[in-house]
Protein backbone atom coordinates (compact mmCIF):
# COMPACT_ATOMS: atom_id res chain seq x y z
CA UNK A 1 -10.14 -31.29 34.89
CA UNK A 2 -9.15 -31.73 38.75
CA UNK A 3 -7.65 -34.69 37.95
CA UNK A 4 -5.72 -33.45 34.77
CA UNK A 5 -4.82 -30.17 36.37
CA UNK A 6 -6.66 -27.97 33.95
CA UNK A 7 -8.23 -24.73 35.20
CA UNK A 8 -10.24 -23.73 32.24
CA UNK A 9 -11.60 -25.53 29.27
CA UNK A 10 -12.44 -23.63 26.10
CA UNK A 11 -14.49 -24.96 23.21
CA UNK A 12 -15.72 -23.64 19.95
CA UNK A 13 -18.83 -24.94 18.13
CA UNK A 14 -17.41 -28.15 17.03
CA UNK A 15 -18.19 -31.92 17.64
CA UNK A 16 -17.09 -31.42 21.46
CA UNK A 17 -19.54 -28.91 22.01
CA UNK A 18 -22.21 -30.88 20.19
CA UNK A 19 -21.31 -34.02 22.39
CA UNK A 20 -21.04 -32.07 25.90
CA UNK A 21 -23.73 -29.28 25.95
CA UNK A 22 -26.01 -30.89 22.92
CA UNK A 23 -25.46 -27.65 20.91
CA UNK A 24 -24.85 -26.81 17.45
CA UNK A 25 -24.81 -23.19 17.06
CA UNK A 26 -23.75 -21.40 14.08
CA UNK A 27 -20.15 -21.32 13.20
CA UNK A 28 -18.87 -18.31 11.16
CA UNK A 29 -16.41 -15.74 11.60
CA UNK A 30 -17.98 -14.22 15.02
CA UNK A 31 -16.50 -15.99 18.15
CA UNK A 32 -18.90 -18.26 20.18
CA UNK A 33 -17.31 -20.21 22.24
CA UNK A 34 -18.34 -22.43 25.86
CA UNK A 35 -15.85 -21.63 28.88
CA UNK A 36 -15.71 -24.10 31.51
CA UNK A 37 -13.90 -23.75 34.78
CA UNK A 38 -14.28 -25.68 38.08
CA UNK A 39 -16.68 -23.49 39.06
CA UNK A 40 -18.38 -21.83 36.35
CA UNK A 41 -19.81 -22.51 32.64
CA UNK A 42 -20.73 -19.94 30.46
CA UNK A 43 -20.83 -19.09 26.59
CA UNK A 44 -19.45 -15.92 24.48
CA UNK A 45 -22.36 -15.72 22.23
CA UNK A 46 -23.14 -13.05 19.52
CA UNK A 47 -26.36 -11.41 19.68
CA UNK A 48 -27.26 -12.46 16.19
CA UNK A 49 -27.51 -15.99 17.38
CA UNK A 50 -28.44 -15.61 20.87
CA UNK A 51 -32.10 -16.07 20.70
CA UNK A 52 -31.76 -19.02 18.74
CA UNK A 53 -29.35 -20.85 20.58
CA UNK A 54 -31.15 -20.05 23.80
CA UNK A 55 -34.19 -22.39 22.88
CA UNK A 56 -31.49 -25.13 23.29
CA UNK A 57 -29.85 -24.47 26.68
CA UNK A 58 -29.89 -22.57 29.84
CA UNK A 59 -26.22 -21.80 30.09
CA UNK A 60 -25.41 -18.21 30.78
CA UNK A 61 -24.65 -16.28 27.71
CA UNK A 62 -21.83 -13.32 27.40
CA UNK A 63 -23.09 -11.49 24.56
CA UNK A 64 -21.63 -9.19 21.98
CA UNK A 65 -22.70 -7.17 19.03
CA UNK A 66 -21.22 -7.00 15.52
CA UNK A 67 -20.70 -3.06 16.09
CA UNK A 68 -18.75 -3.26 19.45
CA UNK A 69 -17.01 -6.61 18.87
CA UNK A 70 -16.06 -9.43 21.33
CA UNK A 71 -13.32 -8.19 23.51
CA UNK A 72 -15.24 -6.76 26.30
CA UNK A 73 -17.65 -9.84 26.53
CA UNK A 74 -14.95 -12.38 26.45
CA UNK A 75 -13.33 -10.19 29.78
CA UNK A 76 -16.47 -10.70 31.24
CA UNK A 77 -16.55 -14.14 30.90
CA UNK A 78 -13.12 -14.89 31.78
CA UNK A 79 -14.19 -12.95 35.07
CA UNK A 80 -17.14 -15.06 35.71
CA UNK A 81 -14.90 -17.87 35.20
CA UNK A 82 -13.22 -17.23 38.50
CA UNK A 83 -9.80 -18.15 36.91
CA UNK A 84 -6.48 -16.33 37.66
CA UNK A 85 -5.76 -15.33 34.14
CA UNK A 86 -2.08 -15.03 34.77
CA UNK A 87 -1.80 -18.35 36.03
CA UNK A 88 -3.63 -21.27 34.70
CA UNK A 89 -3.51 -24.16 32.58
CA UNK A 90 -6.37 -23.67 29.91
CA UNK A 91 -7.34 -26.66 27.58
CA UNK A 92 -8.15 -25.49 24.02
CA UNK A 93 -10.61 -27.48 21.68
CA UNK A 94 -7.99 -28.59 19.25
CA UNK A 95 -11.01 -28.66 16.49
CA UNK A 96 -12.30 -24.98 16.69
CA UNK A 97 -10.64 -22.18 14.46
CA UNK A 98 -7.38 -20.84 14.99
CA UNK A 99 -8.25 -17.28 15.19
CA UNK A 100 -10.50 -18.44 18.26
CA UNK A 101 -7.88 -20.03 19.87
CA UNK A 102 -5.27 -17.16 19.63
CA UNK A 103 -7.97 -14.55 20.76
CA UNK A 104 -8.36 -16.82 23.99
CA UNK A 105 -4.37 -16.80 24.34
CA UNK A 106 -4.27 -13.33 23.71
CA UNK A 107 -6.59 -12.68 26.43
CA UNK A 108 -4.36 -14.87 28.70
CA UNK A 109 -1.29 -13.85 28.25
CA UNK A 110 0.12 -16.22 31.21
CA UNK A 111 -1.90 -19.10 30.49
CA UNK A 112 -0.11 -22.64 30.00
CA UNK A 113 -1.73 -24.08 26.72
CA UNK A 114 -2.96 -27.71 26.19
CA UNK A 115 -5.64 -29.63 24.29
CA UNK A 116 -8.49 -31.64 25.38
CA UNK A 117 -7.15 -35.06 25.14
CA UNK A 118 -7.59 -35.57 29.07
CA UNK A 119 -10.88 -34.07 29.30
CA UNK A 120 -13.24 -33.83 26.70
CA UNK A 121 -11.87 -35.97 24.41
CA UNK A 122 -11.16 -38.90 26.93
CA UNK A 123 -14.75 -38.51 28.27
CA UNK A 124 -15.86 -38.89 24.39
CA UNK A 125 -13.92 -41.83 23.91
CA UNK A 126 -15.83 -44.04 26.80
CA UNK A 127 -18.58 -44.91 24.77
CA UNK A 128 -22.06 -45.89 26.91
CA UNK A 129 -24.49 -48.53 25.90
CA UNK A 130 -26.81 -45.91 24.18
CA UNK A 131 -23.84 -45.30 21.98
CA UNK A 132 -23.11 -48.74 21.36
CA UNK A 133 -26.38 -49.08 20.10
CA UNK A 134 -26.24 -46.34 17.28
CA UNK A 135 -23.09 -47.65 16.71
CA UNK A 136 -24.23 -51.60 16.30
CA UNK A 137 -27.04 -50.39 13.55
CA UNK A 138 -25.07 -48.29 11.74
CA UNK A 139 -22.29 -51.26 11.29
CA UNK A 140 -25.25 -53.64 10.01
CA UNK A 141 -26.40 -51.13 7.69
CA UNK A 142 -22.80 -50.73 6.30
CA UNK A 143 -22.32 -54.69 6.20
CA UNK A 144 -25.45 -54.87 3.70
CA UNK A 145 -24.53 -51.90 1.69
CA UNK A 146 -21.27 -53.04 0.90
CA UNK A 147 -22.26 -56.53 0.21
CA UNK A 148 -24.66 -54.52 -2.20
CA UNK A 149 -21.79 -53.09 -3.97
CA UNK A 150 -19.59 -56.46 -4.32
CA UNK A 151 -22.88 -58.25 -5.54
CA UNK A 152 -23.48 -55.52 -8.24
CA UNK A 153 -20.08 -56.15 -9.65
CA UNK A 154 -20.01 -56.22 -13.28
CA UNK A 155 -17.41 -55.95 -16.15
CA UNK A 156 -17.23 -52.74 -17.83
CA UNK A 157 -18.72 -50.57 -14.63
CA UNK A 158 -16.97 -47.96 -12.97
CA UNK A 159 -15.83 -47.59 -9.59
CA UNK A 160 -18.52 -44.76 -9.34
CA UNK A 161 -21.37 -46.90 -10.40
CA UNK A 162 -20.29 -49.27 -7.47
CA UNK A 163 -20.34 -46.43 -5.32
CA UNK A 164 -23.74 -45.03 -6.48
CA UNK A 165 -25.59 -48.78 -5.62
CA UNK A 166 -23.79 -48.58 -1.98
CA UNK A 167 -25.07 -45.07 -1.36
CA UNK A 168 -28.78 -45.92 -2.90
CA UNK A 169 -28.32 -48.80 -0.11
CA UNK A 170 -27.75 -46.38 2.77
CA UNK A 171 -30.50 -44.16 1.45
CA UNK A 172 -32.87 -47.37 1.55
CA UNK A 173 -32.25 -47.93 5.24
CA UNK A 174 -32.84 -44.39 6.24
CA UNK A 175 -28.76 -43.69 6.53
CA UNK A 176 -26.78 -41.15 5.27
CA UNK A 177 -23.60 -41.67 3.15
CA UNK A 178 -20.43 -40.79 5.33
CA UNK A 179 -17.96 -41.71 2.88
CA UNK A 180 -17.23 -44.54 -0.02
CA UNK A 181 -14.02 -45.31 -1.64
CA UNK A 182 -14.40 -48.16 -4.33
CA UNK A 183 -10.95 -49.11 -5.62
CA UNK A 184 -10.14 -51.25 -8.72
CA UNK A 185 -6.91 -52.93 -9.14
CA UNK A 186 -3.81 -50.76 -8.62
CA UNK A 187 -6.12 -48.28 -7.49
CA UNK A 188 -6.56 -50.16 -4.14
CA UNK A 189 -2.67 -49.76 -3.55
CA UNK A 190 -3.64 -46.02 -2.70
CA UNK A 191 -4.63 -45.82 0.92
CA UNK A 192 -7.10 -43.14 0.33
CA UNK A 193 -7.91 -43.46 -3.25
CA UNK A 194 -10.87 -41.06 -4.64
CA UNK A 195 -13.40 -43.29 -6.58
CA UNK A 196 -13.10 -42.53 -10.28
CA UNK A 197 -13.66 -43.74 -13.88
CA UNK A 198 -11.63 -46.74 -13.46
CA UNK A 199 -13.57 -49.68 -15.26
CA UNK A 200 -13.76 -53.00 -13.87
CA UNK A 201 -12.08 -55.71 -15.75
CA UNK A 202 -11.59 -59.59 -15.44
CA UNK A 203 -8.97 -60.82 -13.03
CA UNK A 204 -8.85 -57.24 -11.25
CA UNK A 205 -8.81 -56.89 -7.25
CA UNK A 206 -11.82 -54.85 -5.83
CA UNK A 207 -11.18 -52.93 -2.23
CA UNK A 208 -14.08 -51.25 -0.88
CA UNK A 209 -13.90 -48.93 2.25
CA UNK A 210 -17.23 -47.22 3.05
CA UNK A 211 -19.30 -45.85 5.95
CA UNK A 212 -22.43 -44.60 6.29
CA UNK A 213 -24.15 -42.51 9.57
CA UNK A 214 -27.12 -43.34 11.46
CA UNK A 215 -28.76 -42.69 14.64
CA UNK A 216 -25.95 -39.90 14.86
CA UNK A 217 -22.93 -42.07 14.64
CA UNK A 218 -20.93 -43.23 11.85
CA UNK A 219 -19.74 -46.93 10.69
CA UNK A 220 -16.43 -47.70 8.83
CA UNK A 221 -15.67 -51.11 7.31
CA UNK A 222 -13.13 -52.32 4.38
CA UNK A 223 -13.42 -55.70 2.75
CA UNK A 224 -11.13 -56.83 -0.18
CA UNK A 225 -12.04 -59.28 -2.98
CA UNK A 226 -11.31 -59.90 -6.42
CA UNK A 227 -13.56 -60.06 -9.67
CA UNK A 228 -12.58 -63.34 -11.58
CA UNK A 229 -9.98 -66.30 -10.61
CA UNK A 230 -7.95 -64.67 -8.01
CA UNK A 231 -4.03 -64.38 -8.22
CA UNK A 232 -2.17 -66.58 -5.81
CA UNK A 233 -0.30 -63.86 -4.55
CA UNK A 234 -3.57 -61.89 -3.69
CA UNK A 235 -4.54 -64.58 -1.72
CA UNK A 236 -1.52 -64.92 0.27
CA UNK A 237 -1.61 -61.29 1.08
CA UNK A 238 -4.96 -61.44 2.25
CA UNK A 239 -3.87 -64.43 4.76
CA UNK A 240 -1.48 -62.22 5.83
CA UNK A 241 -3.48 -59.27 6.49
CA UNK A 242 -6.14 -61.60 8.15
CA UNK A 243 -3.29 -62.91 10.12
CA UNK A 244 -2.62 -59.12 11.39
CA UNK A 245 -6.57 -58.35 12.11
CA UNK A 246 -6.29 -61.61 14.55
CA UNK A 247 -3.43 -60.59 16.09
CA UNK A 248 -4.35 -57.02 16.91
CA UNK A 249 -7.96 -58.45 18.15
CA UNK A 250 -6.41 -60.70 20.48
CA UNK A 251 -3.61 -58.02 21.82
CA UNK A 252 -7.09 -55.77 22.43
CA UNK A 253 -7.62 -55.96 26.34
CA UNK A 254 -8.48 -53.19 28.43
CA UNK A 255 -5.39 -51.82 30.20
CA UNK A 256 -3.20 -52.39 27.33
CA UNK A 257 -1.37 -49.53 25.72
CA UNK A 258 -2.48 -48.66 21.98
CA UNK A 259 1.01 -49.09 20.53
CA UNK A 260 1.07 -52.80 21.46
CA UNK A 261 -2.04 -53.04 19.19
CA UNK A 262 -0.21 -51.43 16.46
CA UNK A 263 2.88 -53.63 17.28
CA UNK A 264 0.61 -56.89 17.05
CA UNK A 265 -0.99 -56.23 13.78
CA UNK A 266 2.38 -54.97 12.28
CA UNK A 267 4.51 -57.65 13.60
CA UNK A 268 2.33 -60.31 11.48
CA UNK A 269 2.83 -58.11 8.22
CA UNK A 270 6.69 -57.41 8.84
CA UNK A 271 7.52 -61.15 9.64
CA UNK A 272 5.86 -62.22 6.33
CA UNK A 273 7.78 -59.92 4.52
CA UNK A 274 5.52 -57.02 3.52
CA UNK A 275 6.67 -54.38 6.38
CA UNK A 276 7.30 -51.68 4.14
CA UNK A 277 4.05 -52.33 2.58
CA UNK A 278 2.17 -51.45 5.59
CA UNK A 279 1.96 -47.67 5.40
CA UNK A 280 -0.61 -46.25 8.04
CA UNK A 281 -1.30 -46.64 11.46
CA UNK A 282 -3.43 -49.93 12.75
CA UNK A 283 -6.64 -47.79 13.71
CA UNK A 284 -8.49 -45.02 14.99
CA UNK A 285 -11.07 -44.13 17.32
CA UNK A 286 -14.88 -43.82 16.02
CA UNK A 287 -17.74 -41.93 17.53
CA UNK A 288 -19.70 -38.93 16.78
CA UNK A 289 -16.53 -38.07 14.34
CA UNK A 290 -15.06 -40.93 12.22
CA UNK A 291 -11.67 -40.38 13.54
CA UNK A 292 -11.38 -39.47 16.93
CA UNK A 293 -9.45 -40.92 20.29
CA UNK A 294 -8.17 -43.42 20.74
CA UNK A 295 -5.72 -43.41 17.76
CA UNK A 296 -3.98 -47.13 17.31
CA UNK A 297 -0.44 -46.24 16.50
CA UNK A 298 3.01 -47.44 17.51
CA UNK A 299 3.57 -44.11 19.17
CA UNK A 300 0.72 -44.01 21.12
CA UNK A 301 1.19 -45.07 24.85
CA UNK A 302 -2.48 -44.36 25.79
CA UNK A 303 -3.86 -47.34 27.44
CA UNK A 304 -7.15 -48.70 26.45
CA UNK A 305 -10.43 -48.86 28.60
CA UNK A 306 -13.24 -50.53 28.34
CA UNK A 307 -15.97 -48.23 26.12
CA UNK A 308 -13.59 -47.37 23.51
CA UNK A 309 -14.15 -48.03 20.20
CA UNK A 310 -11.65 -47.96 17.45
CA UNK A 311 -10.67 -49.52 14.27
CA UNK A 312 -8.35 -52.23 13.39
CA UNK A 313 -7.41 -51.91 9.94
CA UNK A 314 -4.03 -53.11 9.09
CA UNK A 315 -3.15 -53.21 5.00
CA UNK A 316 -0.62 -54.36 2.48
CA UNK A 317 -0.21 -52.25 -0.38
CA UNK A 318 1.69 -53.46 -3.52
CA UNK A 319 2.35 -50.33 -6.05
CA UNK A 320 1.01 -51.17 -9.75
CA UNK A 321 -0.81 -54.53 -8.33
CA UNK A 322 -3.30 -53.95 -5.95
CA UNK A 323 -4.16 -53.31 -2.13
CA UNK A 324 -5.45 -55.32 0.69
CA UNK A 325 -7.14 -53.91 3.56
CA UNK A 326 -9.49 -55.55 6.10
CA UNK A 327 -11.01 -53.21 8.64
CA UNK A 328 -13.16 -53.94 11.62
CA UNK A 329 -14.73 -51.57 14.23
CA UNK A 330 -14.47 -52.94 17.57
CA UNK A 331 -16.23 -51.93 21.22
CA UNK A 332 -13.80 -53.03 23.74
CA UNK A 333 -15.51 -54.67 26.69
CA UNK A 334 -13.87 -55.83 29.81
CA UNK A 335 -13.14 -59.04 28.50
CA UNK A 336 -11.77 -57.80 25.24
CA UNK A 337 -12.79 -56.67 21.52
CA UNK A 338 -16.41 -56.96 19.83
CA UNK A 339 -16.50 -56.59 16.50
CA UNK A 340 -19.37 -54.64 15.21
CA UNK A 341 -19.57 -55.90 11.85
CA UNK A 342 -21.01 -59.43 11.09
CA UNK A 343 -19.61 -60.02 7.43
CA UNK A 344 -17.16 -62.48 7.31
CA UNK A 345 -13.12 -61.25 6.54
CA UNK A 346 -12.71 -64.03 3.81
CA UNK A 347 -12.10 -62.31 0.20
CA UNK A 348 -15.42 -61.60 -1.75
CA UNK A 349 -15.09 -63.29 -5.14
CA UNK A 350 -17.19 -62.08 -8.04
CA UNK A 351 -17.55 -62.40 -11.49
């Protein structure tokens, strides 16, 4: 906060609070927030939940009752932080409810508002080795589950049938399903396809983008394949996308701006003539949330650093035909990117 010129950080009952303080208080319309100044940390806390949350923290509480409202307790909490309400820079939790944030700003009419990108989000993005071990374990479970999905492919089965195979594998290894997107044929050209009732036929592309949660952390990985004899155009696109992944991996070094990684991947696809068919950024950060800092986009000048974890997932989407996306989650080391998955990115051919 000192380095970023932030006088006050305010977190709601979100993943920021869970990561920073190990707290997951009941979140409803009752304002509950953690206020952190450079001299004090305390919580605005409904009396209704105070005793339960007290079991998990010794932070001071500024409590309020339903029949009196939070205004007085909020004023006491602001006073306890020692900040000047008329002249301060406040970093708001970008994930908390808008009515909580507006209540804070109304109580601090002279405040300059920012978000937590330079403070809590930045700290969360620098993963420690304990986090690496959880992410790696989760990635390996995901490897096995996704391959179980490909191995189960049979003509006539639906996308939902394959998703059920993947989910069952997650459960067999003690993991929870985070998301599963199974895309047959032209559905692969939808970047965020919802798994449905489309049935598998011979000579059809298959794209599986899936992730589970294990030890508190998620996985996220995409592999592309074909059921039957692959179309030569499909294999050409796979080769282009693989080249884009390789270029982004080679560009992933500490100190490199995120936009340079996006440009490395996008350049390969553009040079091959598929630039307009690459519809999204190259990647997103991953931690306790599936999407978090850093974001690997052409608009991001943020330099990457050791401990950053993010996806590299370029894709080419040909409407009414197929889509190809290859996704890796990488852990950035001082010497470069370590890929968490141990699956090859070659097309998975079945049938």
